[in-house]
Amino acid sequence: MLALAAPLAAANLANMAMGITNAVMVGHLGGAALAAAGLGSGIYFTLVMICQGVLTAVSPLAAHAIGGGDRIAAGRFAGAGLVLAALLAVPVLQLLTIAPLLLGAIGYDPTLTDNIAGYLGAIRWGAPAFLVSAVLRAMLSATGRPRVIMVVMLCGIPANAALNWVLIFGHLGFPTLGIAGSGGATAAIQWTTMLIVAG
């Protein structure tokens, strides 16, 4: 159990470390940007984590099938999970699109909602990759290979920091995107993580 749990715990800590990196980088833009990134991240991760909770059902179902020697059934569970991830991504993207409008409607400061809109407008495109990764993570756990997840997530920490540096501040010839750059960096890392894990 420890051999399975420790790499997954390390992967979760790596994910938290990337969030801290985002906060440190965005903090250089000022308090308003940091507040907007914090609220935007809260909205984003609340939505995708709720969906991830549903998708983690793939892990015990697939593990039970594999334990019973029925790998075909395990594959069916994985396929169903991927389809569900794609279906869940649609309302998540829609909610992330209208979230700034809802915040404005309930009285949030227009400058703050504009910053949140910029952040969510970039990070939302990582949601499909995050949800697909949740299914892949569940399958790797079911097959007893959680170290893959840990290694990929740990490598994502410096990659995320570098992308934040490039996109937020406009280094290496890239445009200065500010708070949207942090959201874009997170989305890019989520897509990269998904592609590596899928490979």
C-alpha atoms as a PDB file:
ATOM      1  CA  MET A   1       0.000   0.000   0.000  1.00  0.00           C
ATOM      2  CA  LEU A   2       2.818   2.370   0.852  1.00  0.00           C
ATOM      3  CA  ALA A   3       4.478   1.697  -2.504  1.00  0.00           C
ATOM      4  CA  LEU A   4       1.267   2.832  -4.195  1.00  0.00           C
ATOM      5  CA  ALA A   5       0.397   5.699  -1.863  1.00  0.00           C
ATOM      6  CA  ALA A   6       3.803   7.402  -1.546  1.00  0.00           C
ATOM      7  CA  PRO A   7       4.235   8.254  -5.258  1.00  0.00           C
ATOM      8  CA  LEU A   8       0.645   9.525  -5.455  1.00  0.00           C
ATOM      9  CA  ALA A   9       1.198  11.694  -2.378  1.00  0.00           C
ATOM     10  CA  ALA A  10       4.406  13.040  -3.928  1.00  0.00           C
ATOM     11  CA  ALA A  11       2.503  13.842  -7.128  1.00  0.00           C
ATOM     12  CA  ASN A  12      -0.101  15.772  -5.133  1.00  0.00           C
ATOM     13  CA  LEU A  13       2.652  17.713  -3.352  1.00  0.00           C
ATOM     14  CA  ALA A  14       4.229  18.493  -6.725  1.00  0.00           C
ATOM     15  CA  ASN A  15       0.894  19.854  -7.923  1.00  0.00           C
ATOM     16  CA  MET A  16       0.719  22.074  -4.835  1.00  0.00           C
ATOM     17  CA  ALA A  17       4.289  23.233  -5.463  1.00  0.00           C
ATOM     18  CA  MET A  18       3.295  24.380  -8.942  1.00  0.00           C
ATOM     19  CA  GLY A  19       0.460  26.395  -7.419  1.00  0.00           C
ATOM     20  CA  ILE A  20       2.908  28.042  -5.027  1.00  0.00           C
ATOM     21  CA  THR A  21       5.229  28.805  -7.949  1.00  0.00           C
ATOM     22  CA  ASN A  22       2.362  30.486  -9.790  1.00  0.00           C
ATOM     23  CA  ALA A  23       1.561  32.605  -6.732  1.00  0.00           C
ATOM     24  CA  VAL A  24       5.190  33.695  -6.293  1.00  0.00           C
ATOM     25  CA  MET A  25       5.514  34.651  -9.958  1.00  0.00           C
ATOM     26  CA  VAL A  26       2.193  36.493 -10.149  1.00  0.00           C
ATOM     27  CA  GLY A  27       3.005  38.237  -6.865  1.00  0.00           C
ATOM     28  CA  HIS A  28       5.571  40.316  -8.730  1.00  0.00           C
ATOM     29  CA  LEU A  29       2.690  41.919 -10.645  1.00  0.00           C
ATOM     30  CA  GLY A  30       1.132  43.327  -7.474  1.00  0.00           C
ATOM     31  CA  GLY A  31      -1.555  42.580  -4.957  1.00  0.00           C
ATOM     32  CA  ALA A  32      -4.475  42.955  -7.386  1.00  0.00           C
ATOM     33  CA  ALA A  33      -3.008  40.404  -9.796  1.00  0.00           C
ATOM     34  CA  LEU A  34      -2.224  38.014  -6.958  1.00  0.00           C
ATOM     35  CA  ALA A  35      -5.788  38.274  -5.631  1.00  0.00           C
ATOM     36  CA  ALA A  36      -7.209  37.648  -9.100  1.00  0.00           C
ATOM     37  CA  ALA A  37      -4.954  34.633  -9.651  1.00  0.00           C
ATOM     38  CA  GLY A  38      -5.926  33.244  -6.256  1.00  0.00           C
ATOM     39  CA  LEU A  39      -9.638  33.604  -6.916  1.00  0.00           C
ATOM     40  CA  GLY A  40      -9.285  32.330 -10.476  1.00  0.00           C
ATOM     41  CA  SER A  41      -7.324  29.282  -9.315  1.00  0.00           C
ATOM     42  CA  GLY A  42      -9.923  28.609  -6.653  1.00  0.00           C
ATOM     43  CA  ILE A  43     -12.719  28.620  -9.211  1.00  0.00           C
ATOM     44  CA  TYR A  44     -10.774  26.518 -11.711  1.00  0.00           C
ATOM     45  CA  PHE A  45      -9.548  23.844  -9.327  1.00  0.00           C
ATOM     46  CA  THR A  46     -12.886  23.580  -7.525  1.00  0.00           C
ATOM     47  CA  LEU A  47     -14.574  22.678 -10.808  1.00  0.00           C
ATOM     48  CA  VAL A  48     -11.936  20.284 -12.125  1.00  0.00           C
ATOM     49  CA  MET A  49     -11.415  18.578  -8.763  1.00  0.00           C
ATOM     50  CA  ILE A  50     -15.146  17.858  -8.458  1.00  0.00           C
ATOM     51  CA  CYS A  51     -14.967  16.211 -11.869  1.00  0.00           C
ATOM     52  CA  GLN A  52     -11.784  14.369 -10.926  1.00  0.00           C
ATOM     53  CA  GLY A  53     -13.616  12.911  -7.943  1.00  0.00           C
ATOM     54  CA  VAL A  54     -16.107  11.337 -10.332  1.00  0.00           C
ATOM     55  CA  LEU A  55     -13.411  10.084 -12.696  1.00  0.00           C
ATOM     56  CA  THR A  56     -11.362   8.379  -9.970  1.00  0.00           C
ATOM     57  CA  ALA A  57     -14.050   5.694  -9.907  1.00  0.00           C
ATOM     58  CA  VAL A  58     -12.113   4.231 -12.848  1.00  0.00           C
ATOM     59  CA  SER A  59      -9.303   3.145 -10.514  1.00  0.00           C
ATOM     60  CA  PRO A  60     -11.139   0.667  -8.252  1.00  0.00           C
ATOM     61  CA  LEU A  61     -13.273  -0.636 -11.108  1.00  0.00           C
ATOM     62  CA  ALA A  62     -10.255  -1.246 -13.332  1.00  0.00           C
ATOM     63  CA  ALA A  63      -8.199  -2.691 -10.454  1.00  0.00           C
ATOM     64  CA  HIS A  64     -10.997  -5.152  -9.647  1.00  0.00           C
ATOM     65  CA  ALA A  65     -11.180  -6.214 -13.290  1.00  0.00           C
ATOM     66  CA  ILE A  66      -7.399  -6.614 -13.545  1.00  0.00           C
ATOM     67  CA  GLY A  67      -7.328  -8.584 -10.298  1.00  0.00           C
ATOM     68  CA  GLY A  68      -9.926 -10.907 -11.791  1.00  0.00           C
ATOM     69  CA  GLY A  69      -7.841 -11.368 -14.939  1.00  0.00           C
ATOM     70  CA  ASP A  70     -10.285  -9.434 -17.129  1.00  0.00           C
ATOM     71  CA  ARG A  71      -8.108  -6.834 -18.846  1.00  0.00           C
ATOM     72  CA  ILE A  72     -10.738  -6.277 -21.523  1.00  0.00           C
ATOM     73  CA  ALA A  73     -13.177  -5.024 -18.893  1.00  0.00           C
ATOM     74  CA  ALA A  74     -10.432  -2.810 -17.442  1.00  0.00           C
ATOM     75  CA  GLY A  75      -9.949  -1.311 -20.886  1.00  0.00           C
ATOM     76  CA  ARG A  76     -13.680  -0.677 -21.164  1.00  0.00           C
ATOM     77  CA  PHE A  77     -13.642   1.172 -17.848  1.00  0.00           C
ATOM     78  CA  ALA A  78     -10.730   3.301 -19.048  1.00  0.00           C
ATOM     79  CA  GLY A  79     -12.527   4.060 -22.313  1.00  0.00           C
ATOM     80  CA  ALA A  80     -15.710   4.996 -20.478  1.00  0.00           C
ATOM     81  CA  GLY A  81     -13.671   7.246 -18.197  1.00  0.00           C
ATOM     82  CA  LEU A  82     -12.106   9.043 -21.151  1.00  0.00           C
ATOM     83  CA  VAL A  83     -15.514   9.594 -22.748  1.00  0.00           C
ATOM     84  CA  LEU A  84     -16.875  10.929 -19.458  1.00  0.00           C
ATOM     85  CA  ALA A  85     -13.838  13.222 -19.113  1.00  0.00           C
ATOM     86  CA  ALA A  86     -14.558  14.672 -22.552  1.00  0.00           C
ATOM     87  CA  LEU A  87     -18.232  15.175 -21.682  1.00  0.00           C
ATOM     88  CA  LEU A  88     -17.428  16.839 -18.363  1.00  0.00           C
ATOM     89  CA  ALA A  89     -14.938  19.181 -20.034  1.00  0.00           C
ATOM     90  CA  VAL A  90     -17.744  20.905 -21.954  1.00  0.00           C
ATOM     91  CA  PRO A  91     -19.700  22.320 -18.978  1.00  0.00           C
ATOM     92  CA  VAL A  92     -16.443  23.079 -17.159  1.00  0.00           C
ATOM     93  CA  LEU A  93     -15.251  25.229 -20.069  1.00  0.00           C
ATOM     94  CA  GLN A  94     -18.625  26.956 -20.220  1.00  0.00           C
ATOM     95  CA  LEU A  95     -18.650  27.699 -16.487  1.00  0.00           C
ATOM     96  CA  LEU A  96     -15.105  29.044 -16.582  1.00  0.00           C
ATOM     97  CA  THR A  97     -16.085  31.296 -19.477  1.00  0.00           C
ATOM     98  CA  ILE A  98     -19.048  32.875 -17.709  1.00  0.00           C
ATOM     99  CA  ALA A  99     -17.561  32.914 -14.182  1.00  0.00           C
ATOM    100  CA  PRO A 100     -16.130  36.464 -14.499  1.00  0.00           C
ATOM    101  CA  LEU A 101     -19.532  37.733 -15.666  1.00  0.00           C
ATOM    102  CA  LEU A 102     -21.201  36.134 -12.651  1.00  0.00           C
ATOM    103  CA  LEU A 103     -18.624  37.669 -10.319  1.00  0.00           C
ATOM    104  CA  GLY A 104     -19.275  41.078 -11.859  1.00  0.00           C
ATOM    105  CA  ALA A 105     -23.017  40.601 -11.470  1.00  0.00           C
ATOM    106  CA  ILE A 106     -22.698  39.990  -7.729  1.00  0.00           C
ATOM    107  CA  GLY A 107     -20.614  43.113  -7.191  1.00  0.00           C
ATOM    108  CA  TYR A 108     -16.953  42.197  -7.615  1.00  0.00           C
ATOM    109  CA  ASP A 109     -14.643  45.079  -8.537  1.00  0.00           C
ATOM    110  CA  PRO A 110     -14.473  45.464 -12.356  1.00  0.00           C
ATOM    111  CA  THR A 111     -10.660  45.554 -12.355  1.00  0.00           C
ATOM    112  CA  LEU A 112     -10.548  42.345 -10.344  1.00  0.00           C
ATOM    113  CA  THR A 113     -13.061  40.594 -12.591  1.00  0.00           C
ATOM    114  CA  ASP A 114     -11.106  41.689 -15.671  1.00  0.00           C
ATOM    115  CA  ASN A 115      -7.961  40.127 -14.237  1.00  0.00           C
ATOM    116  CA  ILE A 116      -9.840  36.964 -13.286  1.00  0.00           C
ATOM    117  CA  ALA A 117     -11.266  36.820 -16.813  1.00  0.00           C
ATOM    118  CA  GLY A 118      -7.761  37.017 -18.266  1.00  0.00           C
ATOM    119  CA  TYR A 119      -6.518  34.253 -16.002  1.00  0.00           C
ATOM    120  CA  LEU A 120      -9.500  31.940 -16.520  1.00  0.00           C
ATOM    121  CA  GLY A 121      -9.508  32.667 -20.245  1.00  0.00           C
ATOM    122  CA  ALA A 122      -6.061  31.073 -20.444  1.00  0.00           C
ATOM    123  CA  ILE A 123      -6.140  28.321 -17.826  1.00  0.00           C
ATOM    124  CA  ARG A 124      -9.548  26.966 -18.888  1.00  0.00           C
ATOM    125  CA  TRP A 125      -7.991  25.344 -21.970  1.00  0.00           C
ATOM    126  CA  GLY A 126      -6.051  23.054 -19.664  1.00  0.00           C
ATOM    127  CA  ALA A 127      -9.257  21.603 -18.198  1.00  0.00           C
ATOM    128  CA  PRO A 128      -9.752  18.860 -20.837  1.00  0.00           C
ATOM    129  CA  ALA A 129      -6.153  17.707 -20.371  1.00  0.00           C
ATOM    130  CA  PHE A 130      -6.533  17.769 -16.578  1.00  0.00           C
ATOM    131  CA  LEU A 131      -9.634  15.575 -16.742  1.00  0.00           C
ATOM    132  CA  VAL A 132      -8.113  13.105 -19.200  1.00  0.00           C
ATOM    133  CA  SER A 133      -5.017  12.970 -16.988  1.00  0.00           C
ATOM    134  CA  ALA A 134      -7.260  12.078 -14.051  1.00  0.00           C
ATOM    135  CA  VAL A 135      -8.444   8.985 -15.937  1.00  0.00           C
ATOM    136  CA  LEU A 136      -4.899   8.052 -16.980  1.00  0.00           C
ATOM    137  CA  ARG A 137      -3.737   8.536 -13.399  1.00  0.00           C
ATOM    138  CA  ALA A 138      -6.512   6.247 -12.177  1.00  0.00           C
ATOM    139  CA  MET A 139      -5.485   3.573 -14.661  1.00  0.00           C
ATOM    140  CA  LEU A 140      -1.803   3.804 -13.733  1.00  0.00           C
ATOM    141  CA  SER A 141      -2.783   3.423 -10.087  1.00  0.00           C
ATOM    142  CA  ALA A 142      -4.941   0.408 -10.935  1.00  0.00           C
ATOM    143  CA  THR A 143      -2.054  -1.244 -12.771  1.00  0.00           C
ATOM    144  CA  GLY A 144       0.403  -0.539  -9.940  1.00  0.00           C
ATOM    145  CA  ARG A 145       2.496   2.077 -11.772  1.00  0.00           C
ATOM    146  CA  PRO A 146       2.008   5.310  -9.813  1.00  0.00           C
ATOM    147  CA  ARG A 147       5.704   6.256 -10.057  1.00  0.00           C
ATOM    148  CA  VAL A 148       5.121   7.416 -13.623  1.00  0.00           C
ATOM    149  CA  ILE A 149       2.723  10.058 -12.319  1.00  0.00           C
ATOM    150  CA  MET A 150       5.166  11.155  -9.623  1.00  0.00           C
ATOM    151  CA  VAL A 151       8.101  11.564 -11.995  1.00  0.00           C
ATOM    152  CA  VAL A 152       6.078  13.535 -14.536  1.00  0.00           C
ATOM    153  CA  MET A 153       4.634  15.839 -11.878  1.00  0.00           C
ATOM    154  CA  LEU A 154       8.021  16.464 -10.265  1.00  0.00           C
ATOM    155  CA  CYS A 155       9.490  17.364 -13.660  1.00  0.00           C
ATOM    156  CA  GLY A 156       6.564  19.710 -14.153  1.00  0.00           C
ATOM    157  CA  ILE A 157       7.633  21.970 -11.262  1.00  0.00           C
ATOM    158  CA  PRO A 158      10.686  23.553 -12.949  1.00  0.00           C
ATOM    159  CA  ALA A 159       8.943  23.490 -16.323  1.00  0.00           C
ATOM    160  CA  ASN A 160       6.000  25.396 -14.877  1.00  0.00           C
ATOM    161  CA  ALA A 161       8.316  27.954 -13.253  1.00  0.00           C
ATOM    162  CA  ALA A 162      10.148  28.490 -16.540  1.00  0.00           C
ATOM    163  CA  LEU A 163       6.918  28.929 -18.508  1.00  0.00           C
ATOM    164  CA  ASN A 164       5.601  31.386 -15.939  1.00  0.00           C
ATOM    165  CA  TRP A 165       8.813  33.405 -16.236  1.00  0.00           C
ATOM    166  CA  VAL A 166       8.573  33.445 -20.020  1.00  0.00           C
ATOM    167  CA  LEU A 167       4.847  34.116 -20.428  1.00  0.00           C
ATOM    168  CA  ILE A 168       4.133  36.457 -17.515  1.00  0.00           C
ATOM    169  CA  PHE A 169       7.088  38.768 -18.077  1.00  0.00           C
ATOM    170  CA  GLY A 170       7.610  38.363 -21.825  1.00  0.00           C
ATOM    171  CA  HIS A 171      11.101  36.858 -21.888  1.00  0.00           C
ATOM    172  CA  LEU A 172      12.794  35.079 -24.807  1.00  0.00           C
ATOM    173  CA  GLY A 173      10.868  37.114 -27.363  1.00  0.00           C
ATOM    174  CA  PHE A 174       7.400  36.188 -26.101  1.00  0.00           C
ATOM    175  CA  PRO A 175       4.787  38.896 -25.499  1.00  0.00           C
ATOM    176  CA  THR A 176       4.193  40.044 -21.929  1.00  0.00           C
ATOM    177  CA  LEU A 177       0.929  38.360 -20.950  1.00  0.00           C
ATOM    178  CA  GLY A 178       0.825  39.177 -17.246  1.00  0.00           C
ATOM    179  CA  ILE A 179      -1.647  37.179 -15.208  1.00  0.00           C
ATOM    180  CA  ALA A 180      -2.951  35.417 -18.323  1.00  0.00           C
ATOM    181  CA  GLY A 181       0.576  34.102 -18.848  1.00  0.00           C
ATOM    182  CA  SER A 182       0.404  32.226 -15.558  1.00  0.00           C
ATOM    183  CA  GLY A 183      -2.879  30.621 -16.574  1.00  0.00           C
ATOM    184  CA  GLY A 184      -1.431  29.757 -19.958  1.00  0.00           C
ATOM    185  CA  ALA A 185       1.648  28.190 -18.358  1.00  0.00           C
ATOM    186  CA  THR A 186      -0.506  25.980 -16.144  1.00  0.00           C
ATOM    187  CA  ALA A 187      -2.643  24.910 -19.097  1.00  0.00           C
ATOM    188  CA  ALA A 188       0.445  24.086 -21.155  1.00  0.00           C
ATOM    189  CA  ILE A 189       1.893  21.967 -18.344  1.00  0.00           C
ATOM    190  CA  GLN A 190      -1.395  20.097 -17.989  1.00  0.00           C
ATOM    191  CA  TRP A 191      -1.456  19.253 -21.694  1.00  0.00           C
ATOM    192  CA  THR A 192       2.221  18.222 -21.607  1.00  0.00           C
ATOM    193  CA  THR A 193       1.585  16.036 -18.551  1.00  0.00           C
ATOM    194  CA  MET A 194      -1.357  14.357 -20.252  1.00  0.00           C
ATOM    195  CA  LEU A 195       0.610  13.632 -23.440  1.00  0.00           C
ATOM    196  CA  ILE A 196       3.590  12.215 -21.545  1.00  0.00           C
ATOM    197  CA  VAL A 197       1.459  10.020 -19.289  1.00  0.00           C
ATOM    198  CA  ALA A 198      -0.597   8.845 -22.275  1.00  0.00           C
ATOM    199  CA  GLY A 199       2.610   7.929 -24.098  1.00  0.00           C
END
